[in-house]
């Protein structure tokens, strides 16, 4: 029924945006500050600053500046009810906002496109733009914007008679809006949302709960509302009273509206409300009030140059003339309606072309974005992968270790960390050569990965011939089974090593610390203790494995094998 979301954007436009331009020169800072300071105060100054910023952005090929400039230029033109060039400007804004990754403004720009397209009578395309906006919202966690766009999706569903779907969108919007009562536009949002919900229920002939909604708005939100919010709510109330047969209350509302409504109150935000109100006046046979509002709306609709709106207004006139048998006026209006319908057909073709071009540009940008994301993923994987073994490297280990440890601590699970190295690997390298040494490490890494993966663990190359394996939520008995399984797998490789002082094949020595973390512990405490255990195994019985818990390690420490885990915290 209405698109009050533009006002929400305007109300919150100044929050934190200037910070984004701290790295720019003083001219850019002055232009961006000028745009934000003059917003809704001095349209001429705002437009001038936007054009200066856009000109500089074009010279420097800076998408961040261009996106910001075009976006705010479009918003200003919308506030001026200037629809001549706004579509093209928003399209340009979207192109640059996507490149600049300015996701909040991008989602809002999609919302504006939806509003503009809907006002031109192309609801399917408008819905598509709203869904684009919601996609960015969900992807980048834009809760505020989700509230805005969900309201408009709901309003669009009302227009096509999908009332249940509309209410679902309104419920989603309510979640987002109600979660931030401290926002400056909170009461405007809630009033707009309740208006839409009331209108939806009325159109569905479901009047249950509307009185309760009106009471909530009167008590909690209208005391903080401005004249525009109050007028919008009053129109919805009038619509409800009319459709529910409460004629005395309806007429009381009409008298109030007719006494307060002026040209200054005809904002685009309320355009749908005014059309609804005209219908109520027509059906109520309130001719004086009908023509009073009609006379106020005509200049506005004419200035908008939106043919579909002109046709809607003219259609109401035609119905009035026909009902009151005003033949001459009827014929004149019908002729004009025919001319407008021809113009609308030409506009529809132009819009289709614009939409196709916009979609093609979206696809181009998205393809480039996907290529970039793919390359970034590849580079990220490279930076976290050991080039020799293909295992995670130390950088990835640091990240994963913190995550697993903190999860275990939070859930009260056990955490097991194993560190191992290859026995007499220096002698292997010295005698067989580094190429064979690399083959040996790769084969062992494969064994480690196989065992770790089978039991839900994580493994990484720690450095040189050292490897680390981590498990969460396993018992000490299970830990012993896993380390023994790995020891046997490595021995089964039977990689010759006649220079080993143990067996004529390659073996590994393993030390694991397994216990439930305490608040005073950190993951590297566990790594340090595991290293201490590894050292003790290498001293006592190289080529074997040992799994130790907190109590055992404390005993080991008393025997001179190292510090206690408590001291590592």
Protein backbone atom coordinates (compact mmCIF):
# COMPACT_ATOMS: atom_id res chain seq x y z
CA UNK A 1 0.00 0.00 0.00
CA UNK A 2 2.82 2.41 0.67
CA UNK A 3 6.60 2.80 0.54
CA UNK A 4 7.64 4.64 3.65
CA UNK A 5 11.12 3.09 3.51
CA UNK A 6 12.62 6.11 1.77
CA UNK A 7 11.92 8.20 4.85
CA UNK A 8 13.65 5.59 7.03
CA UNK A 9 16.73 5.88 4.89
CA UNK A 10 16.67 9.66 5.02
CA UNK A 11 16.22 9.70 8.78
CA UNK A 12 19.35 7.58 9.27
CA UNK A 13 21.46 8.81 6.40
CA UNK A 14 24.00 10.64 8.52
CA UNK A 15 25.13 7.72 10.67
CA UNK A 16 28.82 7.04 10.25
CA UNK A 17 29.06 7.43 6.48
CA UNK A 18 31.59 10.27 6.50
CA UNK A 19 34.08 8.06 8.29
CA UNK A 20 34.51 6.08 5.10
CA UNK A 21 36.29 9.00 3.45
CA UNK A 22 39.01 9.72 5.99
CA UNK A 23 41.67 8.50 3.57
CA UNK A 24 40.68 11.02 0.89
CA UNK A 25 41.80 14.62 0.31
CA UNK A 26 40.08 17.66 1.81
CA UNK A 27 37.98 18.34 -1.31
CA UNK A 28 36.39 14.87 -1.15
CA UNK A 29 35.80 15.24 2.59
CA UNK A 30 34.11 18.61 2.03
CA UNK A 31 31.87 17.25 -0.76
CA UNK A 32 30.77 14.18 1.21
CA UNK A 33 30.23 16.26 4.34
CA UNK A 34 28.30 18.83 2.31
CA UNK A 35 26.04 16.08 0.92
CA UNK A 36 25.25 14.68 4.35
CA UNK A 37 24.90 18.06 6.09
CA UNK A 38 22.48 19.45 3.49
CA UNK A 39 20.36 16.34 3.12
CA UNK A 40 16.62 17.21 3.30
CA UNK A 41 17.61 20.80 4.13
CA UNK A 42 18.96 22.28 0.91
CA UNK A 43 18.33 20.14 -2.17
CA UNK A 44 20.15 22.53 -4.50
CA UNK A 45 23.33 22.40 -2.41
CA UNK A 46 23.09 18.62 -2.05
CA UNK A 47 22.77 18.16 -5.81
CA UNK A 48 25.71 20.51 -6.44
CA UNK A 49 27.97 18.58 -4.04
CA UNK A 50 26.84 15.28 -5.61
CA UNK A 51 27.76 16.48 -9.11
CA UNK A 52 31.17 17.76 -7.93
CA UNK A 53 31.90 14.44 -6.22
CA UNK A 54 30.76 12.48 -9.29
CA UNK A 55 32.94 14.62 -11.59
CA UNK A 56 35.98 13.96 -9.40
CA UNK A 57 35.10 10.27 -9.17
CA UNK A 58 34.93 10.03 -12.99
CA UNK A 59 38.38 11.65 -13.32
CA UNK A 60 39.93 9.30 -10.77
CA UNK A 61 37.87 6.21 -11.77
CA UNK A 62 36.90 5.79 -8.11
CA UNK A 63 33.82 3.57 -7.79
CA UNK A 64 33.50 4.29 -4.09
CA UNK A 65 33.01 8.01 -4.72
CA UNK A 66 30.83 7.45 -7.78
CA UNK A 67 28.56 5.02 -5.95
CA UNK A 68 28.16 7.41 -3.02
CA UNK A 69 27.55 10.42 -5.27
CA UNK A 70 25.02 8.76 -7.59
CA UNK A 71 23.19 7.13 -4.66
CA UNK A 72 22.66 10.40 -2.82
CA UNK A 73 21.81 12.25 -6.00
CA UNK A 74 19.07 9.67 -6.67
CA UNK A 75 17.77 10.01 -3.11
CA UNK A 76 17.62 13.79 -3.39
CA UNK A 77 15.75 13.66 -6.69
CA UNK A 78 13.30 11.21 -5.14
CA UNK A 79 12.64 13.63 -2.28
CA UNK A 80 11.98 16.34 -4.88
CA UNK A 81 9.51 14.06 -6.68
CA UNK A 82 11.76 14.35 -9.77
CA UNK A 83 11.39 11.10 -11.70
CA UNK A 84 12.83 12.20 -15.05
CA UNK A 85 16.34 10.77 -14.68
CA UNK A 86 16.24 8.91 -11.38
CA UNK A 87 16.14 5.38 -12.85
CA UNK A 88 19.36 5.88 -14.85
CA UNK A 89 21.06 7.47 -11.85
CA UNK A 90 20.18 4.58 -9.55
CA UNK A 91 21.42 2.11 -12.16
CA UNK A 92 24.76 3.94 -12.27
CA UNK A 93 24.88 3.98 -8.48
CA UNK A 94 24.35 0.22 -8.32
CA UNK A 95 27.11 -0.45 -10.85
CA UNK A 96 29.68 1.45 -8.76
CA UNK A 97 28.41 0.39 -5.33
CA UNK A 98 28.86 -3.24 -6.38
CA UNK A 99 32.46 -2.57 -7.43
CA UNK A 100 33.15 -0.62 -4.24
CA UNK A 101 31.51 -3.32 -2.09
CA UNK A 102 29.34 -0.70 -0.38
CA UNK A 103 26.76 -3.31 0.55
CA UNK A 104 24.39 -1.23 2.69
CA UNK A 105 23.91 1.47 0.07
CA UNK A 106 23.73 -1.21 -2.64
CA UNK A 107 20.84 -2.96 -0.86
CA UNK A 108 19.09 0.40 -0.41
CA UNK A 109 19.67 1.28 -4.07
CA UNK A 110 17.98 -1.99 -5.10
CA UNK A 111 15.12 -1.00 -2.82
CA UNK A 112 14.82 2.39 -4.56
CA UNK A 113 14.79 0.67 -7.95
CA UNK A 114 11.98 -1.53 -6.71
CA UNK A 115 9.98 1.49 -5.55
CA UNK A 116 10.50 3.37 -8.82
CA UNK A 117 9.67 0.34 -10.97
CA UNK A 118 6.57 -0.41 -8.88
CA UNK A 119 5.35 3.18 -9.24
CA UNK A 120 5.68 2.75 -13.01
CA UNK A 121 3.33 -0.20 -12.85
CA UNK A 122 5.85 -3.00 -13.32
CA UNK A 123 5.40 -5.02 -10.12
CA UNK A 124 7.17 -8.25 -11.25
CA UNK A 125 10.39 -6.37 -12.03
CA UNK A 126 10.03 -4.37 -8.80
CA UNK A 127 9.76 -7.59 -6.82
CA UNK A 128 12.91 -8.85 -8.50
CA UNK A 129 14.79 -5.74 -7.39
CA UNK A 130 13.55 -6.14 -3.82
CA UNK A 131 14.76 -9.76 -3.82
CA UNK A 132 18.16 -8.57 -5.10
CA UNK A 133 18.29 -6.19 -2.15
CA UNK A 134 17.35 -8.96 0.29
CA UNK A 135 20.04 -11.19 -1.18
CA UNK A 136 22.70 -8.58 -0.31
CA UNK A 137 21.11 -8.09 3.12
CA UNK A 138 21.30 -11.79 3.99
CA UNK A 139 24.77 -12.23 2.53
CA UNK A 140 26.29 -9.30 4.41
CA UNK A 141 24.16 -9.26 7.57
CA UNK A 142 22.30 -5.99 6.87
CA UNK A 143 19.51 -6.24 9.45
CA UNK A 144 18.23 -2.68 9.13
CA UNK A 145 17.92 -2.95 5.37
CA UNK A 146 16.14 -6.28 5.68
CA UNK A 147 13.42 -4.55 7.71
CA UNK A 148 13.06 -1.85 5.06
CA UNK A 149 12.85 -4.17 2.07
CA UNK A 150 10.61 -6.75 3.74
CA UNK A 151 7.99 -4.04 4.28
CA UNK A 152 8.08 -3.17 0.58
CA UNK A 153 7.92 -6.82 -0.47
CA UNK A 154 4.86 -7.15 1.71
CA UNK A 155 3.29 -4.03 0.19
CA UNK A 156 3.91 -5.41 -3.28
CA UNK A 157 2.21 -8.68 -2.38
CA UNK A 158 -0.81 -6.70 -1.17
CA UNK A 159 -1.08 -5.04 -4.59
CA UNK A 160 -1.43 -8.42 -6.29
CA UNK A 161 -3.80 -9.86 -3.69
CA UNK A 162 -1.30 -12.20 -1.98
CA UNK A 163 -2.30 -11.24 1.54
CA UNK A 164 -0.89 -14.23 3.44
CA UNK A 165 2.48 -13.80 1.74
CA UNK A 166 2.35 -10.08 2.52
CA UNK A 167 1.81 -10.74 6.23
CA UNK A 168 4.75 -13.12 6.28
CA UNK A 169 6.99 -10.34 4.97
CA UNK A 170 5.58 -7.94 7.57
CA UNK A 171 6.27 -10.43 10.37
CA UNK A 172 9.89 -10.70 9.20
CA UNK A 173 10.15 -6.91 9.08
CA UNK A 174 8.70 -6.69 12.60
CA UNK A 175 11.51 -8.92 13.93
CA UNK A 176 14.20 -6.63 12.53
CA UNK A 177 12.51 -3.36 13.46
CA UNK A 178 11.50 -4.37 17.00
CA UNK A 179 15.07 -5.51 17.72
CA UNK A 180 16.39 -1.93 17.49
CA UNK A 181 14.07 0.42 19.44
CA UNK A 182 16.95 2.85 19.97
CA UNK A 183 17.17 3.72 16.24
CA UNK A 184 16.10 7.29 15.36
CA UNK A 185 13.50 6.09 12.86
CA UNK A 186 12.09 3.35 15.09
CA UNK A 187 8.63 4.89 15.59
CA UNK A 188 8.30 5.84 11.91
CA UNK A 189 9.15 2.27 10.98
CA UNK A 190 6.66 0.77 13.40
CA UNK A 191 3.87 3.11 12.29
CA UNK A 192 4.54 2.31 8.64
CA UNK A 193 4.58 -1.39 9.39
CA UNK A 194 1.31 -1.29 11.33
CA UNK A 195 -0.30 0.73 8.52
CA UNK A 196 0.61 -1.96 6.02
CA UNK A 197 -0.58 -4.76 8.30
CA UNK A 198 -3.91 -3.01 8.92
CA UNK A 199 -4.41 -2.33 5.21
CA UNK A 200 -3.61 -5.94 4.40
CA UNK A 201 -6.14 -7.29 6.91
CA UNK A 202 -8.79 -4.86 5.70
CA UNK A 203 -8.35 -5.90 2.08
CA UNK A 204 -8.68 -9.50 3.17
CA UNK A 205 -11.88 -8.61 5.09
CA UNK A 206 -10.23 -9.80 8.28
CA UNK A 207 -10.94 -7.15 10.92
CA UNK A 208 -9.88 -9.22 13.95
CA UNK A 209 -7.02 -7.62 15.86
CA UNK A 210 -7.05 -4.28 14.03
CA UNK A 211 -8.44 -2.33 17.00
CA UNK A 212 -5.64 -3.75 19.14
CA UNK A 213 -3.07 -2.64 16.53
CA UNK A 214 -4.53 0.87 16.52
CA UNK A 215 -4.34 1.02 20.32
CA UNK A 216 -0.65 -0.04 20.24
CA UNK A 217 0.16 2.64 17.68
CA UNK A 218 -1.78 5.31 19.62
CA UNK A 219 -0.10 4.40 22.89
CA UNK A 220 3.47 3.54 21.88
CA UNK A 221 4.28 5.31 18.63
CA UNK A 222 2.05 8.25 17.68
CA UNK A 223 3.31 10.42 20.60
CA UNK A 224 6.69 10.37 18.84
CA UNK A 225 5.36 10.75 15.28
CA UNK A 226 5.56 13.68 12.90
CA UNK A 227 2.67 15.05 10.82
CA UNK A 228 3.36 12.72 7.87
CA UNK A 229 3.33 9.59 10.04
CA UNK A 230 0.12 10.76 11.75
CA UNK A 231 -1.55 11.41 8.40
CA UNK A 232 -0.58 8.02 7.01
CA UNK A 233 -1.92 6.27 10.11
CA UNK A 234 -5.13 8.28 9.98
CA UNK A 235 -5.73 7.29 6.35
CA UNK A 236 -5.29 3.60 7.25
CA UNK A 237 -7.72 4.05 10.15
CA UNK A 238 -10.22 5.70 7.79
CA UNK A 239 -9.86 2.83 5.32
CA UNK A 240 -10.55 0.33 8.11
CA UNK A 241 -13.59 2.20 9.39
CA UNK A 242 -14.97 2.46 5.86
CA UNK A 243 -14.60 -1.21 4.98
CA UNK A 244 -15.85 -2.43 8.36
CA UNK A 245 -19.01 -0.31 8.11
CA UNK A 246 -18.15 2.11 10.96
CA UNK A 247 -19.43 5.09 9.01
CA UNK A 248 -19.60 7.60 11.88
CA UNK A 249 -15.98 6.99 12.88
CA UNK A 250 -15.00 7.02 9.18
CA UNK A 251 -16.68 10.40 8.63
CA UNK A 252 -15.00 11.77 11.76
CA UNK A 253 -11.60 10.72 10.35
CA UNK A 254 -12.44 12.25 6.96
CA UNK A 255 -13.32 15.60 8.57
CA UNK A 256 -10.01 15.55 10.44
CA UNK A 257 -7.97 14.69 7.35
CA UNK A 258 -9.71 17.29 5.20
CA UNK A 259 -8.99 19.98 7.79
CA UNK A 260 -5.24 19.24 8.07
CA UNK A 261 -4.15 18.06 4.61
CA UNK A 262 -2.19 20.59 2.55
CA UNK A 263 0.02 20.63 -0.53
CA UNK A 264 3.07 20.53 1.74
CA UNK A 265 2.00 17.11 3.05
CA UNK A 266 1.92 15.43 -0.36
CA UNK A 267 5.09 13.35 -0.09
CA UNK A 268 5.88 10.48 -2.45
CA UNK A 269 6.07 8.32 0.67
CA UNK A 270 2.28 8.63 1.05
CA UNK A 271 1.27 8.44 -2.60
CA UNK A 272 -0.35 5.01 -2.23
CA UNK A 273 -2.13 6.17 0.91
CA UNK A 274 -3.63 9.08 -1.01
CA UNK A 275 -4.89 6.80 -3.77
CA UNK A 276 -6.53 4.56 -1.14
CA UNK A 277 -8.06 7.61 0.50
CA UNK A 278 -9.46 8.85 -2.82
CA UNK A 279 -11.17 5.45 -3.24
CA UNK A 280 -12.69 5.79 0.23
CA UNK A 281 -13.95 9.30 -0.55
CA UNK A 282 -15.40 8.17 -3.88
CA UNK A 283 -17.19 5.17 -2.36
CA UNK A 284 -18.43 7.31 0.54
CA UNK A 285 -19.79 9.92 -1.88
CA UNK A 286 -17.74 12.66 -0.23
CA UNK A 287 -17.55 14.76 -3.38
CA UNK A 288 -16.15 17.94 -1.82
CA UNK A 289 -13.39 16.11 0.00
CA UNK A 290 -12.73 13.98 -3.12
CA UNK A 291 -12.13 17.01 -5.31
CA UNK A 292 -10.18 18.82 -2.61
CA UNK A 293 -7.63 16.00 -2.53
CA UNK A 294 -7.80 15.55 -6.32
CA UNK A 295 -6.89 19.24 -6.80
CA UNK A 296 -3.95 18.85 -4.40
CA UNK A 297 -2.66 15.67 -6.04
CA UNK A 298 -2.93 16.66 -9.71
CA UNK A 299 0.07 19.05 -9.76
CA UNK A 300 2.19 16.52 -7.90
CA UNK A 301 1.29 13.63 -10.21
CA UNK A 302 1.80 15.85 -13.25
CA UNK A 303 5.29 16.88 -12.04
CA UNK A 304 6.25 13.27 -11.46
CA UNK A 305 5.72 12.49 -15.14
CA UNK A 306 4.89 8.89 -14.23
CA UNK A 307 2.29 7.88 -16.76
CA UNK A 308 0.86 4.98 -14.73
CA UNK A 309 0.10 7.34 -11.81
CA UNK A 310 -1.44 9.89 -14.13
CA UNK A 311 -3.67 7.12 -15.51
CA UNK A 312 -4.70 6.00 -12.02
CA UNK A 313 -5.73 9.53 -11.07
CA UNK A 314 -7.54 10.04 -14.36
CA UNK A 315 -9.25 6.66 -13.95
CA UNK A 316 -10.79 7.86 -10.67
CA UNK A 317 -12.00 11.02 -12.38
CA UNK A 318 -13.60 8.96 -15.16
CA UNK A 319 -15.44 6.80 -12.62
CA UNK A 320 -16.71 9.93 -10.86
CA UNK A 321 -17.91 11.52 -14.10
CA UNK A 322 -19.67 8.31 -15.14
CA UNK A 323 -21.35 7.85 -11.78
CA UNK A 324 -22.60 11.44 -11.79
CA UNK A 325 -23.57 11.38 -15.50
CA UNK A 326 -21.13 14.13 -16.49
CA UNK A 327 -20.93 13.15 -20.18
CA UNK A 328 -18.79 15.98 -21.54
CA UNK A 329 -16.19 15.66 -18.79
CA UNK A 330 -16.31 11.89 -19.15
CA UNK A 331 -15.58 11.96 -22.90
CA UNK A 332 -12.75 14.45 -22.49
CA UNK A 333 -11.12 12.40 -19.72
CA UNK A 334 -11.55 9.15 -21.69
CA UNK A 335 -9.75 10.68 -24.68
CA UNK A 336 -6.85 11.77 -22.48
CA UNK A 337 -6.78 8.32 -20.88
CA UNK A 338 -6.34 6.77 -24.35
CA UNK A 339 -3.42 9.11 -25.09
CA UNK A 340 -1.78 8.19 -21.79
CA UNK A 341 -2.20 4.47 -22.47
CA UNK A 342 -0.28 4.86 -25.74
CA UNK A 343 2.47 6.74 -23.90
CA UNK A 344 2.59 4.05 -21.21
CA UNK A 345 3.11 1.38 -23.86
CA UNK A 346 6.15 3.27 -25.20
CA UNK A 347 7.46 3.74 -21.64
CA UNK A 348 7.03 0.02 -20.94
CA UNK A 349 9.16 -0.82 -23.95
CA UNK A 350 11.83 1.63 -22.80
CA UNK A 351 11.74 0.16 -19.29
CA UNK A 352 12.15 -3.37 -20.63
CA UNK A 353 15.23 -2.19 -22.51
CA UNK A 354 16.60 -0.51 -19.39
CA UNK A 355 15.95 -3.61 -17.28
CA UNK A 356 17.64 -5.89 -19.82
CA UNK A 357 20.68 -3.60 -19.94
CA UNK A 358 20.79 -3.43 -16.16
CA UNK A 359 20.56 -7.20 -15.85
CA UNK A 360 23.31 -7.64 -18.41
CA UNK A 361 25.50 -5.29 -16.42
CA UNK A 362 24.66 -7.15 -13.20
CA UNK A 363 25.71 -10.41 -14.81
CA UNK A 364 28.95 -8.87 -16.06
CA UNK A 365 29.81 -7.52 -12.63
CA UNK A 366 28.82 -10.78 -10.93
CA UNK A 367 30.99 -12.83 -13.29
CA UNK A 368 33.95 -10.58 -12.55
CA UNK A 369 33.16 -10.81 -8.84
CA UNK A 370 32.98 -14.61 -8.96
CA UNK A 371 36.32 -14.78 -10.77
CA UNK A 372 37.83 -12.54 -8.10
CA UNK A 373 36.31 -14.59 -5.27
CA UNK A 374 37.60 -17.79 -6.84
CA UNK A 375 41.08 -16.31 -7.15
CA UNK A 376 40.98 -15.02 -3.57
CA UNK A 377 39.94 -18.46 -2.34
CA UNK A 378 42.79 -20.00 -4.30
CA UNK A 379 45.29 -17.56 -2.83
CA UNK A 380 43.86 -18.05 0.67
CA UNK A 381 44.14 -21.81 0.30
CA UNK A 382 47.71 -21.42 -0.90
CA UNK A 383 48.58 -19.26 2.09
CA UNK A 384 47.21 -21.92 4.46
CA UNK A 385 48.59 -25.02 2.73
CA UNK A 386 51.97 -26.66 3.05
CA UNK A 387 53.27 -26.85 -0.53
CA UNK A 388 55.13 -30.12 -0.03
CA UNK A 389 52.56 -32.31 1.74
CA UNK A 390 49.31 -30.55 0.85
CA UNK A 391 48.41 -30.46 4.54
CA UNK A 392 47.43 -27.36 6.46
CA UNK A 393 50.46 -25.25 7.34
CA UNK A 394 51.34 -23.52 10.59
CA UNK A 395 49.27 -20.43 9.72
CA UNK A 396 46.12 -22.52 9.28
CA UNK A 397 47.00 -24.52 12.38
CA UNK A 398 47.02 -21.34 14.48
CA UNK A 399 43.52 -20.43 13.32
CA UNK A 400 42.04 -23.92 13.61
CA UNK A 401 43.64 -24.63 16.96
CA UNK A 402 42.08 -21.55 18.55
CA UNK A 403 38.64 -22.38 17.15
CA UNK A 404 38.68 -26.04 18.26
CA UNK A 405 40.10 -25.26 21.68
CA UNK A 406 37.59 -22.49 22.44
CA UNK A 407 34.72 -24.71 21.30
CA UNK A 408 35.90 -27.51 23.57
CA UNK A 409 36.25 -25.07 26.47
CA UNK A 410 32.76 -23.66 25.91
CA UNK A 411 31.12 -27.08 25.61
CA UNK A 412 33.11 -28.77 28.35
CA UNK A 413 34.56 -31.29 25.89
CA UNK A 414 37.94 -32.95 26.04
CA UNK A 415 40.65 -31.60 23.75
CA UNK A 416 43.48 -33.75 22.49
CA UNK A 417 46.63 -32.40 20.86
CA UNK A 418 49.27 -34.71 19.41
CA UNK A 419 52.72 -33.70 18.21
CA UNK A 420 55.09 -36.07 16.44
CA UNK A 421 58.30 -36.14 14.47
CA UNK A 422 60.20 -38.58 12.27
CA UNK A 423 62.89 -40.59 14.03
CA UNK A 424 66.42 -39.82 12.86
CA UNK A 425 65.17 -37.75 9.92
CA UNK A 426 68.38 -35.75 9.68
CA UNK A 427 70.28 -38.98 9.06
CA UNK A 428 67.67 -39.94 6.44
CA UNK A 429 68.14 -36.66 4.58
CA UNK A 430 71.92 -36.73 4.85
CA UNK A 431 72.22 -40.22 3.37
CA UNK A 432 69.25 -40.56 0.96
CA UNK A 433 69.13 -36.93 -0.20
CA UNK A 434 66.54 -34.19 0.22
CA UNK A 435 64.41 -35.37 -2.69
CA UNK A 436 63.90 -38.75 -1.04
CA UNK A 437 63.40 -36.97 2.27
CA UNK A 438 60.52 -34.99 0.72
CA UNK A 439 58.97 -38.23 -0.57
CA UNK A 440 59.22 -39.72 2.91
CA UNK A 441 57.51 -36.72 4.55
CA UNK A 442 54.76 -36.76 1.91
CA UNK A 443 54.07 -40.46 2.53
CA UNK A 444 53.90 -39.93 6.30
CA UNK A 445 51.67 -36.87 5.84
CA UNK A 446 49.26 -39.03 3.85
CA UNK A 447 49.06 -41.52 6.74
CA UNK A 448 48.45 -38.73 9.25
CA UNK A 449 45.71 -37.16 7.09
CA UNK A 450 44.02 -40.51 6.60
CA UNK A 451 43.84 -41.30 10.32
CA UNK A 452 42.86 -37.76 11.37
CA UNK A 453 40.10 -37.56 8.77
CA UNK A 454 38.71 -40.97 9.75
CA UNK A 455 38.23 -39.82 13.33
CA UNK A 456 37.13 -36.21 12.77
CA UNK A 457 40.46 -34.67 13.64
CA UNK A 458 42.54 -31.86 12.16
CA UNK A 459 46.17 -32.23 11.13
CA UNK A 460 48.92 -29.88 9.98
CA UNK A 461 52.61 -29.77 9.26
CA UNK A 462 54.18 -27.89 12.14
CA UNK A 463 57.55 -27.47 10.51
CA UNK A 464 60.44 -29.64 9.21
CA UNK A 465 59.60 -33.22 10.15
CA UNK A 466 57.11 -32.24 12.89
CA UNK A 467 53.35 -32.72 12.55
CA UNK A 468 50.36 -31.87 14.76
CA UNK A 469 46.98 -33.61 15.07
CA UNK A 470 44.03 -32.29 17.13
CA UNK A 471 40.77 -33.95 18.23
CA UNK A 472 37.79 -32.69 20.17
CA UNK A 473 35.44 -34.66 22.45
CA UNK A 474 37.30 -37.98 22.48
CA UNK A 475 38.13 -40.17 25.45
CA UNK A 476 41.64 -41.02 26.56
CA UNK A 477 41.07 -44.60 25.41
CA UNK A 478 40.05 -43.43 21.94
CA UNK A 479 43.08 -41.13 21.82
CA UNK A 480 45.36 -44.10 22.54
CA UNK A 481 43.73 -46.09 19.74
CA UNK A 482 44.21 -43.24 17.23
CA UNK A 483 47.89 -42.63 17.97
CA UNK A 484 48.60 -46.37 17.88
CA UNK A 485 46.74 -46.68 14.57
CA UNK A 486 48.90 -43.92 13.11
CA UNK A 487 52.14 -45.45 14.44
CA UNK A 488 51.29 -48.77 12.79
CA UNK A 489 50.30 -47.13 9.47
CA UNK A 490 53.67 -45.41 9.24
CA UNK A 491 55.50 -48.64 9.98
CA UNK A 492 53.41 -50.43 7.33
CA UNK A 493 54.86 -48.03 4.76
CA UNK A 494 58.16 -49.85 5.35
CA UNK A 495 60.19 -46.93 4.05
CA UNK A 496 63.83 -48.15 4.23
CA UNK A 497 66.06 -46.35 6.74
CA UNK A 498 69.21 -48.33 7.40
CA UNK A 499 70.75 -45.29 9.09
CA UNK A 500 68.15 -45.32 11.88
CA UNK A 501 69.39 -46.34 15.31
CA UNK A 502 66.11 -48.20 15.93
CA UNK A 503 64.63 -50.21 13.06
CA UNK A 504 65.76 -50.39 9.41
CA UNK A 505 62.57 -48.55 8.42
CA UNK A 506 61.18 -45.05 9.03
CA UNK A 507 59.33 -44.67 12.35
CA UNK A 508 57.73 -41.80 14.26
CA UNK A 509 57.61 -40.75 17.90
CA UNK A 510 54.33 -39.35 19.24
CA UNK A 511 53.27 -37.41 22.31
CA UNK A 512 49.65 -36.44 23.05
CA UNK A 513 48.02 -34.42 25.80
CA UNK A 514 44.31 -35.18 26.29
CA UNK A 515 42.09 -33.52 28.88
CA UNK A 516 39.21 -31.06 29.38
CA UNK A 517 40.48 -27.45 29.12
CA UNK A 518 40.15 -25.11 32.08
CA UNK A 519 39.41 -21.38 31.93
CA UNK A 520 43.03 -20.53 32.76
CA UNK A 521 44.37 -22.67 29.87
CA UNK A 522 45.12 -21.67 26.31
CA UNK A 523 45.59 -23.92 23.31
CA UNK A 524 49.32 -23.34 23.25
CA UNK A 525 49.51 -24.63 26.82
CA UNK A 526 48.29 -27.95 25.40
CA UNK A 527 50.85 -27.76 22.57
CA UNK A 528 53.66 -27.06 25.01
CA UNK A 529 52.65 -29.96 27.22
CA UNK A 530 52.34 -32.29 24.21
CA UNK A 531 55.86 -31.26 23.24
CA UNK A 532 57.04 -32.07 26.77
CA UNK A 533 55.41 -35.50 26.48
CA UNK A 534 57.05 -36.04 23.08
CA UNK A 535 60.43 -35.18 24.60
CA UNK A 536 59.89 -37.66 27.43
CA UNK A 537 58.98 -40.43 24.93
CA UNK A 538 62.07 -39.71 22.82
CA UNK A 539 64.17 -39.91 25.99
CA UNK A 540 62.62 -43.13 27.30
CA UNK A 541 61.49 -45.12 24.26
CA UNK A 542 61.90 -43.42 20.86
CA UNK A 543 59.57 -44.79 18.16
CA UNK A 544 56.65 -45.29 20.51
CA UNK A 545 53.67 -43.13 21.54
CA UNK A 546 52.26 -41.82 24.78
CA UNK A 547 48.87 -40.25 25.70
CA UNK A 548 48.82 -38.30 28.96
CA UNK A 549 46.04 -36.52 30.88
CA UNK A 550 46.31 -33.72 33.44
CA UNK A 551 46.84 -35.99 36.44
CA UNK A 552 49.55 -38.04 34.71
CA UNK A 553 51.34 -34.95 33.45
CA UNK A 554 51.35 -33.45 36.93
CA UNK A 555 53.01 -36.66 38.16
CA UNK A 556 55.50 -36.49 35.28
CA UNK A 557 56.34 -32.94 36.23
CA UNK A 558 57.08 -34.03 39.74
CA UNK A 559 59.52 -36.54 38.33
CA UNK A 560 61.38 -33.78 36.56
CA UNK A 561 59.90 -33.91 33.08
CA UNK A 562 58.64 -30.34 32.94
CA UNK A 563 56.24 -27.74 34.29
CA UNK A 564 52.66 -28.52 35.18
CA UNK A 565 49.76 -27.60 32.91
CA UNK A 566 48.50 -25.19 35.58
CA UNK A 567 51.73 -23.22 35.29
CA UNK A 568 51.33 -23.03 31.54
CA UNK A 569 48.09 -21.08 31.81
